[in-house]
Amino acid sequence: MRYTVMFQVEEGEWMYASAENPFTYSSPALSFTTREEALVEAEKYNTGIVVEREGDVREFNREERMRAKMRDIVNGNKHEY
């Protein structure tokens, strides 16, 4: 069993925490071997939660990536895609 951390970006919109800084929706999710390690990371976010995962954490599909890119543009972030 592995653990990852998710946090709410906007109402109903969640993303995985990543080791990249800054990180995007396509950044690889942090993965922890113990719940305690994940809880330490989750405490860094107001809405951070620990999620149990088996196997690899799934990447966003094409539709989810496009939605994230559009949200980035609406929020005024200037990234090259």
Protein backbone atom coordinates (compact mmCIF):
# COMPACT_ATOMS: atom_id res chain seq x y z
CA MET A 1 0.00 0.00 0.00
CA ARG A 2 1.25 3.47 -0.92
CA TYR A 3 -0.09 6.85 0.17
CA THR A 4 -0.47 10.07 -1.77
CA VAL A 5 -1.66 13.54 -0.79
CA MET A 6 -4.47 15.41 -2.53
CA PHE A 7 -5.62 18.96 -1.94
CA GLN A 8 -8.49 21.06 -3.21
CA VAL A 9 -7.50 23.74 -5.70
CA GLU A 10 -11.01 25.10 -6.16
CA GLU A 11 -14.45 23.89 -5.14
CA GLY A 12 -14.66 20.28 -6.32
CA GLU A 13 -11.27 20.41 -8.08
CA TRP A 14 -8.55 18.25 -6.52
CA MET A 15 -4.95 17.55 -7.46
CA TYR A 16 -2.09 15.42 -6.18
CA ALA A 17 0.80 17.02 -4.32
CA SER A 18 4.10 16.81 -6.20
CA ALA A 19 7.78 17.25 -5.41
CA GLU A 20 8.13 19.69 -8.32
CA ASN A 21 8.09 23.38 -7.47
CA PRO A 22 6.11 24.88 -9.07
CA PHE A 23 4.01 21.88 -10.03
CA THR A 24 1.14 21.39 -12.46
CA TYR A 25 -1.62 18.86 -12.95
CA SER A 26 0.73 16.75 -15.09
CA SER A 27 3.50 16.65 -12.44
CA PRO A 28 4.14 13.21 -10.90
CA ALA A 29 2.41 12.71 -7.57
CA LEU A 30 4.39 12.28 -4.38
CA SER A 31 4.16 8.77 -3.02
CA PHE A 32 4.80 7.67 0.57
CA THR A 33 5.32 4.27 2.15
CA THR A 34 3.72 5.21 5.48
CA ARG A 35 0.58 7.12 6.36
CA GLU A 36 2.57 9.20 8.89
CA GLU A 37 4.92 10.50 6.15
CA ALA A 38 1.92 11.42 4.01
CA LEU A 39 0.21 13.19 6.93
CA VAL A 40 3.26 15.44 7.36
CA GLU A 41 2.95 16.47 3.69
CA ALA A 42 -0.86 16.86 3.90
CA GLU A 43 -0.47 19.33 6.77
CA LYS A 44 1.22 21.76 4.36
CA TYR A 45 -2.15 22.35 2.65
CA ASN A 46 -5.35 23.78 4.12
CA THR A 47 -7.39 21.05 2.42
CA GLY A 48 -4.73 18.30 2.29
CA ILE A 49 -5.94 14.71 2.65
CA VAL A 50 -4.12 11.38 2.56
CA VAL A 51 -5.29 8.88 -0.06
CA GLU A 52 -4.43 5.17 -0.01
CA ARG A 53 -3.28 3.88 -3.39
CA GLU A 54 -2.37 0.47 -4.69
CA GLY A 55 -0.03 0.34 -7.65
CA ASP A 56 0.91 3.40 -9.63
CA VAL A 57 -0.97 6.67 -9.33
CA ARG A 58 -2.81 7.29 -12.58
CA GLU A 59 -1.89 10.29 -14.67
CA PHE A 60 -4.61 12.68 -15.82
CA ASN A 61 -6.29 11.71 -19.08
CA ARG A 62 -6.43 14.09 -22.06
CA GLU A 63 -9.71 15.69 -21.00
CA GLU A 64 -8.45 16.30 -17.45
CA ARG A 65 -5.19 17.82 -18.75
CA MET A 66 -7.11 20.16 -21.08
CA ARG A 67 -9.40 21.23 -18.24
CA ALA A 68 -6.37 21.94 -16.05
CA LYS A 69 -4.70 23.95 -18.82
CA MET A 70 -7.86 26.01 -19.36
CA ARG A 71 -8.12 26.66 -15.61
CA ASP A 72 -4.48 27.78 -15.64
CA ILE A 73 -5.20 30.24 -18.47
CA VAL A 74 -8.36 31.55 -16.77
CA ASN A 75 -6.33 32.10 -13.59
CA GLY A 76 -3.83 34.20 -15.55
CA ASN A 77 -0.88 31.80 -15.36
CA LYS A 78 1.38 31.97 -18.39
CA HIS A 79 2.84 28.54 -19.11
CA GLU A 80 3.99 27.13 -22.41
CA TYR A 81 2.09 23.97 -23.26
